[in-house]
């Protein structure tokens, strides 16, 4: 495993050719000079392209952040990441398309609902078994433990099936879950804040004082959601991201763990994840057909006119989501024991096992989080353009390019690379047709692999 990790990390060093550094400096200067010239040529249009670049770059940054998290932990390219973006976008379309919502089409399928309900039940069952089996095995037999784990897992799976089967009433069916989530957050957030000042404080002590207010907060949130049918679109975002995360976790636990134990080359993992990407794309075509599909209009669709540029509030929101996603993941990796475990596994998985880290659980959580980031990026893209079955592959490539530009394996580089890629793409098509945008992205990739293979912010 150590050999695989080192080989995956090994990016080509700067080409040892006379004049290479000079050529790289000339190229960088030329790009900066071109952008400066365009800004001076038409400031309003330059502002428009800059904002468009930041908006698109926010999606690339989200993709690169999740991709960096997964890659820097297990050191292989998981191509399901692109499929997760497609699942997120099509999940919103699936949940917001029915006659009860004013749509002429109805794509809701009992078979699709059953598949995802089973995946959710399996993920919840494995999670509960992993967390509580060490405590229960001394008190109960295997059959009793299976029953104790299977009943709540089955209940959660059935609940997920109900949510998917009645998308028009998602604000009603999901309100209990929203209330529980708000109550749990109202307990854990004060606990984390207090623990930062007093590390010895126990969760049970905080729960005694925060339990009643948390219950009231949860009940209020659930009641507000149940009376807000307009919240259905945004609740579908959460459901789609969670479903994509569950599929990512299920794939890791059900397939990748088995293959990682027996694979002698990362290429086997790459081919397996490619098969998953193509299979999910085919599954999407079967359910939704191959024509592009529009998502419902979200808030902020009407543009604002600022200094001659037309700026959508939703795109500003997308930029904020990318920054918030970076901040949340940074806090998770830098300020929690889970983050320390993730970094330890990324440095050496075998040593992490020796010191007592449950690497299977931690890596499963990483796949879950990474897939949620990809799904969110797919949702933002779908609202800005449209959704199509093979959108995940292109988004996967853009996320990878952003990671290379920023510095693969570096969280800071991921968000920087995303925004840089978006801005370069937009300014690159100033005098060209929009179809050149993807070509410009791949040219940028080739330049970075040739002259700056470690990216703008190399991993230390």
Protein backbone atom coordinates (compact mmCIF):
# COMPACT_ATOMS: atom_id res chain seq x y z
CA UNK A 1 0.00 0.00 0.00
CA UNK A 2 2.85 2.38 0.75
CA UNK A 3 4.29 1.78 -2.72
CA UNK A 4 0.93 2.52 -4.34
CA UNK A 5 0.56 5.71 -2.31
CA UNK A 6 4.00 6.99 -3.23
CA UNK A 7 3.50 6.19 -6.91
CA UNK A 8 0.14 7.97 -6.89
CA UNK A 9 1.69 11.03 -5.30
CA UNK A 10 4.58 11.16 -7.71
CA UNK A 11 3.87 13.94 -10.18
CA UNK A 12 6.46 14.67 -12.86
CA UNK A 13 9.03 17.22 -11.82
CA UNK A 14 9.81 20.37 -13.78
CA UNK A 15 11.25 19.43 -17.15
CA UNK A 16 15.02 19.60 -17.08
CA UNK A 17 15.35 21.34 -20.42
CA UNK A 18 17.31 24.58 -20.97
CA UNK A 19 14.97 27.54 -21.22
CA UNK A 20 11.97 25.74 -19.71
CA UNK A 21 11.70 28.07 -16.72
CA UNK A 22 12.02 31.08 -18.99
CA UNK A 23 9.30 29.74 -21.30
CA UNK A 24 7.00 29.10 -18.34
CA UNK A 25 7.55 32.67 -17.08
CA UNK A 26 6.84 34.06 -20.55
CA UNK A 27 3.58 32.08 -20.80
CA UNK A 28 2.40 33.24 -17.38
CA UNK A 29 3.27 36.86 -18.19
CA UNK A 30 1.46 36.63 -21.52
CA UNK A 31 -1.73 35.35 -19.86
CA UNK A 32 -1.66 38.10 -17.23
CA UNK A 33 -0.96 40.75 -19.88
CA UNK A 34 -3.84 39.48 -22.03
CA UNK A 35 -6.30 39.67 -19.14
CA UNK A 36 -5.05 43.17 -18.20
CA UNK A 37 -5.43 44.29 -21.83
CA UNK A 38 -8.99 42.97 -22.00
CA UNK A 39 -9.88 44.71 -18.74
CA UNK A 40 -8.63 48.01 -20.13
CA UNK A 41 -10.41 47.42 -23.44
CA UNK A 42 -13.89 47.07 -21.92
CA UNK A 43 -14.20 47.25 -18.10
CA UNK A 44 -17.95 46.35 -18.00
CA UNK A 45 -17.43 43.29 -20.19
CA UNK A 46 -14.34 42.34 -18.22
CA UNK A 47 -16.41 42.53 -15.02
CA UNK A 48 -19.02 40.28 -16.65
CA UNK A 49 -16.41 37.69 -17.66
CA UNK A 50 -14.73 37.89 -14.26
CA UNK A 51 -18.00 37.28 -12.44
CA UNK A 52 -18.96 34.46 -14.82
CA UNK A 53 -15.54 32.94 -14.20
CA UNK A 54 -15.96 33.11 -10.44
CA UNK A 55 -19.45 31.60 -10.66
CA UNK A 56 -18.28 28.69 -12.81
CA UNK A 57 -15.10 28.45 -10.77
CA UNK A 58 -17.19 27.99 -7.62
CA UNK A 59 -18.56 24.75 -9.09
CA UNK A 60 -15.07 23.64 -10.11
CA UNK A 61 -13.80 24.51 -6.64
CA UNK A 62 -16.48 22.36 -4.97
CA UNK A 63 -15.58 19.48 -7.27
CA UNK A 64 -11.86 19.94 -6.60
CA UNK A 65 -12.36 20.15 -2.82
CA UNK A 66 -14.22 16.85 -2.63
CA UNK A 67 -11.92 15.23 -5.17
CA UNK A 68 -8.87 16.36 -3.18
CA UNK A 69 -10.34 14.95 0.04
CA UNK A 70 -10.87 11.51 -1.52
CA UNK A 71 -7.65 11.40 -3.52
CA UNK A 72 -5.37 12.57 -0.71
CA UNK A 73 -6.84 9.89 1.60
CA UNK A 74 -6.88 6.74 -0.57
CA UNK A 75 -4.55 7.91 -3.38
CA UNK A 76 -6.52 6.69 -6.37
CA UNK A 77 -8.84 8.41 -8.84
CA UNK A 78 -12.41 7.46 -7.98
CA UNK A 79 -14.36 8.09 -11.19
CA UNK A 80 -17.67 7.58 -9.36
CA UNK A 81 -17.08 11.15 -8.26
CA UNK A 82 -18.35 12.32 -11.66
CA UNK A 83 -21.40 10.07 -11.43
CA UNK A 84 -22.18 11.58 -8.01
CA UNK A 85 -22.43 15.01 -9.65
CA UNK A 86 -24.92 13.60 -12.15
CA UNK A 87 -26.91 11.85 -9.42
CA UNK A 88 -27.17 15.10 -7.47
CA UNK A 89 -28.49 17.07 -10.44
CA UNK A 90 -30.89 14.37 -11.62
CA UNK A 91 -32.02 13.75 -8.05
CA UNK A 92 -33.42 17.29 -7.94
CA UNK A 93 -35.11 16.78 -11.32
CA UNK A 94 -36.56 13.47 -10.10
CA UNK A 95 -37.98 15.01 -6.93
CA UNK A 96 -39.40 18.13 -8.59
CA UNK A 97 -41.07 16.53 -11.64
CA UNK A 98 -44.61 15.30 -11.09
CA UNK A 99 -48.16 16.35 -12.09
CA UNK A 100 -48.83 17.41 -8.50
CA UNK A 101 -46.09 20.02 -8.91
CA UNK A 102 -47.53 21.37 -12.15
CA UNK A 103 -45.29 19.31 -14.45
CA UNK A 104 -46.62 17.44 -17.47
CA UNK A 105 -44.11 14.65 -16.96
CA UNK A 106 -43.81 12.15 -14.14
CA UNK A 107 -40.57 10.20 -13.88
CA UNK A 108 -41.21 8.76 -10.43
CA UNK A 109 -40.63 5.01 -10.47
CA UNK A 110 -41.30 2.46 -7.75
CA UNK A 111 -38.22 0.51 -8.85
CA UNK A 112 -35.91 3.51 -8.53
CA UNK A 113 -37.39 4.28 -5.12
CA UNK A 114 -36.87 0.68 -4.00
CA UNK A 115 -33.23 0.66 -5.14
CA UNK A 116 -32.35 3.83 -3.26
CA UNK A 117 -34.35 2.78 -0.20
CA UNK A 118 -32.35 -0.47 -0.10
CA UNK A 119 -29.06 1.44 -0.45
CA UNK A 120 -30.01 3.76 2.41
CA UNK A 121 -31.06 0.84 4.59
CA UNK A 122 -27.80 -0.97 3.87
CA UNK A 123 -25.67 2.07 4.63
CA UNK A 124 -27.51 2.78 7.88
CA UNK A 125 -27.34 -0.88 8.89
CA UNK A 126 -23.59 -1.07 8.26
CA UNK A 127 -23.04 2.19 10.16
CA UNK A 128 -25.02 1.05 13.18
CA UNK A 129 -23.37 -2.37 13.17
CA UNK A 130 -19.90 -0.81 12.98
CA UNK A 131 -20.57 1.69 15.76
CA UNK A 132 -22.39 -0.53 18.25
CA UNK A 133 -21.27 -4.09 17.57
CA UNK A 134 -18.20 -3.88 19.88
CA UNK A 135 -20.48 -2.79 22.74
CA UNK A 136 -23.28 -5.26 22.06
CA UNK A 137 -21.39 -8.46 21.30
CA UNK A 138 -20.73 -9.16 24.96
CA UNK A 139 -24.43 -8.83 25.87
CA UNK A 140 -26.33 -10.24 22.89
CA UNK A 141 -25.93 -13.01 20.36
CA UNK A 142 -25.40 -12.47 16.62
CA UNK A 143 -29.09 -12.90 15.78
CA UNK A 144 -30.20 -10.40 18.42
CA UNK A 145 -27.60 -7.89 17.24
CA UNK A 146 -28.74 -8.33 13.63
CA UNK A 147 -32.31 -7.65 14.75
CA UNK A 148 -31.32 -4.59 16.79
CA UNK A 149 -29.42 -3.18 13.82
CA UNK A 150 -31.80 -4.32 11.09
CA UNK A 151 -34.99 -2.84 12.52
CA UNK A 152 -33.84 0.82 12.61
CA UNK A 153 -31.98 0.39 9.31
CA UNK A 154 -35.11 -0.99 7.67
CA UNK A 155 -37.19 1.81 9.16
CA UNK A 156 -34.85 4.48 7.79
CA UNK A 157 -34.82 2.77 4.39
CA UNK A 158 -38.62 2.66 4.33
CA UNK A 159 -38.71 6.32 5.35
CA UNK A 160 -36.40 7.17 2.44
CA UNK A 161 -38.70 5.24 0.11
CA UNK A 162 -41.71 7.25 1.30
CA UNK A 163 -39.86 10.53 0.73
CA UNK A 164 -38.94 9.50 -2.82
CA UNK A 165 -42.41 8.15 -3.61
CA UNK A 166 -44.24 11.37 -2.70
CA UNK A 167 -42.00 14.22 -3.92
CA UNK A 168 -44.85 16.75 -3.97
CA UNK A 169 -45.13 16.38 -0.17
CA UNK A 170 -41.44 16.38 0.60
CA UNK A 171 -41.90 19.36 2.93
CA UNK A 172 -44.27 17.21 5.01
CA UNK A 173 -42.48 13.87 4.87
CA UNK A 174 -39.08 15.41 5.57
CA UNK A 175 -40.17 17.79 8.35
CA UNK A 176 -39.60 15.20 11.16
CA UNK A 177 -36.06 14.57 9.91
CA UNK A 178 -35.40 18.31 9.72
CA UNK A 179 -36.65 18.70 13.30
CA UNK A 180 -34.44 15.89 14.59
CA UNK A 181 -31.41 17.25 12.72
CA UNK A 182 -31.99 20.74 14.14
CA UNK A 183 -32.33 19.36 17.67
CA UNK A 184 -29.15 17.31 17.37
CA UNK A 185 -27.28 20.32 15.99
CA UNK A 186 -28.56 22.45 18.86
CA UNK A 187 -26.88 20.01 21.28
CA UNK A 188 -23.65 19.30 19.43
CA UNK A 189 -22.77 22.85 18.41
CA UNK A 190 -22.68 24.13 22.03
CA UNK A 191 -20.79 20.96 22.99
CA UNK A 192 -18.08 21.62 20.37
CA UNK A 193 -17.83 25.27 21.40
CA UNK A 194 -17.56 24.45 25.10
CA UNK A 195 -15.12 21.62 24.42
CA UNK A 196 -12.77 24.02 22.63
CA UNK A 197 -12.39 25.90 25.96
CA UNK A 198 -12.83 22.94 28.31
CA UNK A 199 -11.66 19.69 26.68
CA UNK A 200 -12.79 17.51 29.61
CA UNK A 201 -16.48 18.41 29.37
CA UNK A 202 -18.79 15.49 28.55
CA UNK A 203 -21.56 15.42 26.00
CA UNK A 204 -24.03 14.05 28.55
CA UNK A 205 -23.53 17.09 30.78
CA UNK A 206 -24.14 19.51 27.91
CA UNK A 207 -27.19 17.52 26.81
CA UNK A 208 -28.78 17.88 30.27
CA UNK A 209 -28.80 21.68 29.97
CA UNK A 210 -29.31 21.97 26.21
CA UNK A 211 -31.81 19.11 25.80
CA UNK A 212 -35.04 21.04 26.35
CA UNK A 213 -34.05 24.11 24.28
CA UNK A 214 -32.79 21.77 21.54
CA UNK A 215 -36.10 19.89 21.50
CA UNK A 216 -38.02 23.16 21.20
CA UNK A 217 -35.74 24.34 18.39
CA UNK A 218 -36.19 21.05 16.56
CA UNK A 219 -39.98 21.14 16.92
CA UNK A 220 -40.09 24.73 15.66
CA UNK A 221 -37.90 23.93 12.63
CA UNK A 222 -39.97 20.86 11.74
CA UNK A 223 -43.21 22.85 12.04
CA UNK A 224 -41.90 25.69 9.86
CA UNK A 225 -40.74 23.28 7.15
CA UNK A 226 -44.06 21.39 7.15
CA UNK A 227 -45.90 24.63 6.42
CA UNK A 228 -43.59 25.78 3.62
CA UNK A 229 -44.31 23.98 0.32
CA UNK A 230 -41.87 26.33 -1.42
CA UNK A 231 -39.04 24.73 0.54
CA UNK A 232 -39.46 21.53 -1.47
CA UNK A 233 -36.84 22.49 -4.06
CA UNK A 234 -34.19 23.15 -1.42
CA UNK A 235 -35.10 20.06 0.57
CA UNK A 236 -34.58 18.08 -2.64
CA UNK A 237 -31.02 19.45 -2.72
CA UNK A 238 -30.33 17.89 0.68
CA UNK A 239 -32.00 14.59 -0.24
CA UNK A 240 -30.06 14.34 -3.51
CA UNK A 241 -26.73 15.05 -1.82
CA UNK A 242 -27.42 12.49 0.90
CA UNK A 243 -28.43 9.84 -1.64
CA UNK A 244 -25.27 10.45 -3.68
CA UNK A 245 -23.23 10.18 -0.48
CA UNK A 246 -24.94 6.92 0.47
CA UNK A 247 -24.20 5.44 -2.96
CA UNK A 248 -20.55 6.51 -2.62
CA UNK A 249 -20.27 4.91 0.81
CA UNK A 250 -22.02 1.74 -0.38
CA UNK A 251 -19.66 1.43 -3.33
CA UNK A 252 -16.63 1.82 -1.10
CA UNK A 253 -17.81 -0.67 1.51
CA UNK A 254 -19.34 -3.13 -0.92
CA UNK A 255 -16.76 -3.04 -3.72
CA UNK A 256 -13.69 -0.89 -3.15
CA UNK A 257 -12.70 -2.46 0.17
CA UNK A 258 -12.76 -5.90 -1.41
CA UNK A 259 -10.79 -4.73 -4.44
CA UNK A 260 -8.23 -2.72 -2.45
CA UNK A 261 -7.39 -5.82 -0.44
CA UNK A 262 -6.74 -7.86 -3.57
CA UNK A 263 -5.68 -5.35 -6.21
CA UNK A 264 -1.98 -5.22 -6.98
CA UNK A 265 -2.26 -2.04 -9.03
CA UNK A 266 -4.25 1.21 -8.71
CA UNK A 267 -5.19 0.69 -12.35
CA UNK A 268 -7.65 -2.03 -11.30
CA UNK A 269 -9.44 0.44 -9.03
CA UNK A 270 -9.48 3.03 -11.80
CA UNK A 271 -11.05 0.61 -14.27
CA UNK A 272 -13.64 -0.50 -11.69
CA UNK A 273 -14.68 3.07 -10.92
CA UNK A 274 -14.83 3.80 -14.69
CA UNK A 275 -17.29 0.92 -15.04
CA UNK A 276 -19.37 2.39 -12.24
CA UNK A 277 -19.37 5.83 -13.90
CA UNK A 278 -20.54 4.38 -17.22
CA UNK A 279 -23.12 2.13 -15.56
CA UNK A 280 -24.69 5.03 -13.63
CA UNK A 281 -24.70 7.18 -16.79
CA UNK A 282 -26.55 4.36 -18.59
CA UNK A 283 -28.94 4.04 -15.63
CA UNK A 284 -29.71 7.78 -15.88
CA UNK A 285 -30.40 7.49 -19.61
CA UNK A 286 -32.79 4.56 -18.99
CA UNK A 287 -34.75 6.48 -16.35
CA UNK A 288 -34.67 10.02 -17.79
CA UNK A 289 -33.82 9.51 -21.50
CA UNK A 290 -30.89 11.28 -23.14
CA UNK A 291 -32.38 14.73 -23.80
CA UNK A 292 -31.14 17.63 -21.62
CA UNK A 293 -33.51 18.50 -18.79
CA UNK A 294 -34.00 21.90 -17.11
CA UNK A 295 -34.23 22.20 -13.35
CA UNK A 296 -36.83 24.48 -11.72
CA UNK A 297 -35.83 28.09 -11.25
CA UNK A 298 -34.17 28.69 -7.89
CA UNK A 299 -34.03 31.96 -6.03
CA UNK A 300 -31.90 34.73 -7.51
CA UNK A 301 -32.66 33.86 -11.14
CA UNK A 302 -33.44 37.47 -12.06
CA UNK A 303 -30.15 39.26 -12.92
CA UNK A 304 -28.92 42.44 -11.30
CA UNK A 305 -27.17 45.11 -13.34
CA UNK A 306 -23.97 46.28 -11.64
CA UNK A 307 -21.44 48.51 -13.41
CA UNK A 308 -22.67 47.31 -16.79
CA UNK A 309 -22.53 43.62 -15.87
CA UNK A 310 -25.54 41.31 -15.38
CA UNK A 311 -25.08 39.34 -12.17
CA UNK A 312 -27.43 36.66 -10.87
CA UNK A 313 -28.01 36.32 -7.16
CA UNK A 314 -27.95 32.54 -7.51
CA UNK A 315 -24.42 32.71 -8.90
CA UNK A 316 -23.35 34.85 -5.95
CA UNK A 317 -24.89 32.16 -3.75
CA UNK A 318 -22.86 29.50 -5.60
CA UNK A 319 -19.64 31.39 -4.86
CA UNK A 320 -20.65 31.60 -1.20
CA UNK A 321 -21.41 27.86 -1.13
CA UNK A 322 -17.92 27.07 -2.45
CA UNK A 323 -16.29 29.27 0.19
CA UNK A 324 -18.49 27.82 2.94
CA UNK A 325 -17.76 24.28 1.73
CA UNK A 326 -14.05 24.98 1.93
CA UNK A 327 -14.36 26.49 5.43
CA UNK A 328 -16.43 23.57 6.75
CA UNK A 329 -14.03 20.97 5.39
CA UNK A 330 -11.02 22.92 6.67
CA UNK A 331 -12.51 22.99 10.18
CA UNK A 332 -13.38 19.29 9.93
CA UNK A 333 -9.85 18.30 8.88
CA UNK A 334 -7.89 20.69 11.09
CA UNK A 335 -9.93 20.93 14.27
CA UNK A 336 -11.42 17.46 14.85
CA UNK A 337 -10.13 14.00 15.68
CA UNK A 338 -11.78 12.75 12.49
CA UNK A 339 -9.66 15.18 10.50
CA UNK A 340 -6.49 14.02 12.24
CA UNK A 341 -7.42 10.42 11.39
CA UNK A 342 -7.98 11.36 7.73
CA UNK A 343 -4.58 13.05 7.53
CA UNK A 344 -2.92 10.10 9.23
CA UNK A 345 -4.44 7.64 6.75
CA UNK A 346 -3.33 9.85 3.87
CA UNK A 347 0.24 9.79 5.20
CA UNK A 348 0.39 6.05 5.88
CA UNK A 349 -2.67 3.81 6.09
CA UNK A 350 -0.80 0.79 7.53
CA UNK A 351 0.65 2.80 10.41
CA UNK A 352 -2.81 4.29 11.04
CA UNK A 353 -4.18 0.77 11.52
CA UNK A 354 -1.38 -0.06 13.93
CA UNK A 355 -2.15 2.94 16.16
CA UNK A 356 -5.81 1.97 16.39
CA UNK A 357 -7.56 4.06 13.72
CA UNK A 358 -10.51 2.28 12.15
CA UNK A 359 -9.43 3.07 8.60
CA UNK A 360 -12.45 1.41 6.97
CA UNK A 361 -14.90 3.66 8.82
CA UNK A 362 -12.88 6.83 8.28
CA UNK A 363 -12.39 6.19 4.56
CA UNK A 364 -16.09 5.35 4.18
CA UNK A 365 -16.93 8.73 5.73
CA UNK A 366 -14.49 10.39 3.32
CA UNK A 367 -16.24 8.81 0.33
CA UNK A 368 -19.60 9.91 1.72
CA UNK A 369 -18.49 13.53 2.18
CA UNK A 370 -16.70 13.68 -1.16
CA UNK A 371 -19.77 12.39 -3.02
CA UNK A 372 -21.94 15.00 -1.30
CA UNK A 373 -19.62 17.78 -2.48
CA UNK A 374 -19.77 16.42 -6.03
CA UNK A 375 -23.58 16.17 -5.91
CA UNK A 376 -23.85 19.76 -4.70
CA UNK A 377 -21.63 20.91 -7.57
CA UNK A 378 -23.86 19.02 -10.01
CA UNK A 379 -26.96 20.68 -8.55
CA UNK A 380 -25.49 24.18 -8.90
CA UNK A 381 -24.49 23.42 -12.48
CA UNK A 382 -27.93 22.04 -13.32
CA UNK A 383 -29.69 25.16 -12.09
CA UNK A 384 -27.35 27.38 -14.10
CA UNK A 385 -27.59 25.42 -17.38
CA UNK A 386 -29.40 22.07 -17.69
CA UNK A 387 -28.81 18.46 -16.75
CA UNK A 388 -27.78 15.71 -19.16
CA UNK A 389 -26.76 12.08 -18.58
CA UNK A 390 -23.05 12.46 -19.29
CA UNK A 391 -22.57 15.76 -17.48
CA UNK A 392 -20.77 13.92 -14.68
CA UNK A 393 -17.82 12.95 -16.86
CA UNK A 394 -17.13 16.54 -17.92
CA UNK A 395 -17.53 17.80 -14.36
CA UNK A 396 -15.16 15.08 -13.15
CA UNK A 397 -12.53 16.21 -15.64
CA UNK A 398 -12.98 19.87 -14.70
CA UNK A 399 -12.64 19.03 -11.01
CA UNK A 400 -9.46 17.09 -11.73
CA UNK A 401 -8.03 19.92 -13.83
CA UNK A 402 -8.81 22.38 -11.04
CA UNK A 403 -7.02 20.09 -8.57
CA UNK A 404 -3.93 19.90 -10.81
CA UNK A 405 -3.90 23.68 -11.33
CA UNK A 406 -4.20 24.39 -7.62
CA UNK A 407 -1.93 21.60 -6.43
CA UNK A 408 -3.31 18.10 -6.23
CA UNK A 409 -3.74 16.87 -2.67
CA UNK A 410 -3.82 20.42 -1.24
CA UNK A 411 -7.14 21.70 0.11
CA UNK A 412 -6.11 25.34 -0.34
CA UNK A 413 -4.99 24.60 -3.87
CA UNK A 414 -8.35 22.99 -4.65
CA UNK A 415 -10.36 26.16 -4.12
CA UNK A 416 -7.72 28.38 -5.73
CA UNK A 417 -7.46 26.06 -8.74
CA UNK A 418 -11.24 26.01 -9.20
CA UNK A 419 -11.54 29.78 -9.35
CA UNK A 420 -8.43 30.14 -11.53
CA UNK A 421 -9.76 27.59 -14.01
CA UNK A 422 -13.15 29.29 -14.17
CA UNK A 423 -11.69 32.77 -14.77
CA UNK A 424 -9.17 31.56 -17.38
CA UNK A 425 -11.94 29.70 -19.23
CA UNK A 426 -14.17 32.77 -19.37
CA UNK A 427 -11.48 35.23 -20.43
CA UNK A 428 -10.19 32.68 -22.95
CA UNK A 429 -13.48 32.71 -24.88
CA UNK A 430 -13.68 36.52 -24.99
CA UNK A 431 -12.80 36.56 -28.70
CA UNK A 432 -13.75 32.93 -29.39
CA UNK A 433 -16.91 30.84 -29.53
CA UNK A 434 -18.14 29.34 -26.27
CA UNK A 435 -17.37 25.84 -27.59
CA UNK A 436 -13.66 26.62 -27.08
CA UNK A 437 -14.11 26.71 -23.29
CA UNK A 438 -13.39 23.02 -22.74
CA UNK A 439 -10.42 23.12 -25.10
CA UNK A 440 -8.96 26.04 -23.12
CA UNK A 441 -9.33 24.03 -19.91
CA UNK A 442 -7.40 21.08 -21.37
CA UNK A 443 -4.72 23.38 -22.80
CA UNK A 444 -4.31 24.82 -19.30
CA UNK A 445 -4.00 21.28 -17.93
CA UNK A 446 -1.25 20.43 -20.44
CA UNK A 447 0.64 23.62 -19.59
CA UNK A 448 0.53 22.92 -15.86
CA UNK A 449 1.56 19.29 -16.27
CA UNK A 450 4.45 20.45 -18.45
CA UNK A 451 5.73 23.46 -16.48
CA UNK A 452 4.07 23.51 -13.04
CA UNK A 453 3.24 19.84 -12.31
CA UNK A 454 2.93 20.49 -8.56
CA UNK A 455 0.36 23.26 -9.11
CA UNK A 456 0.09 26.75 -7.73
CA UNK A 457 0.09 25.55 -4.10
CA UNK A 458 2.02 22.26 -3.89
CA UNK A 459 1.16 19.78 -1.14
CA UNK A 460 3.72 19.93 1.66
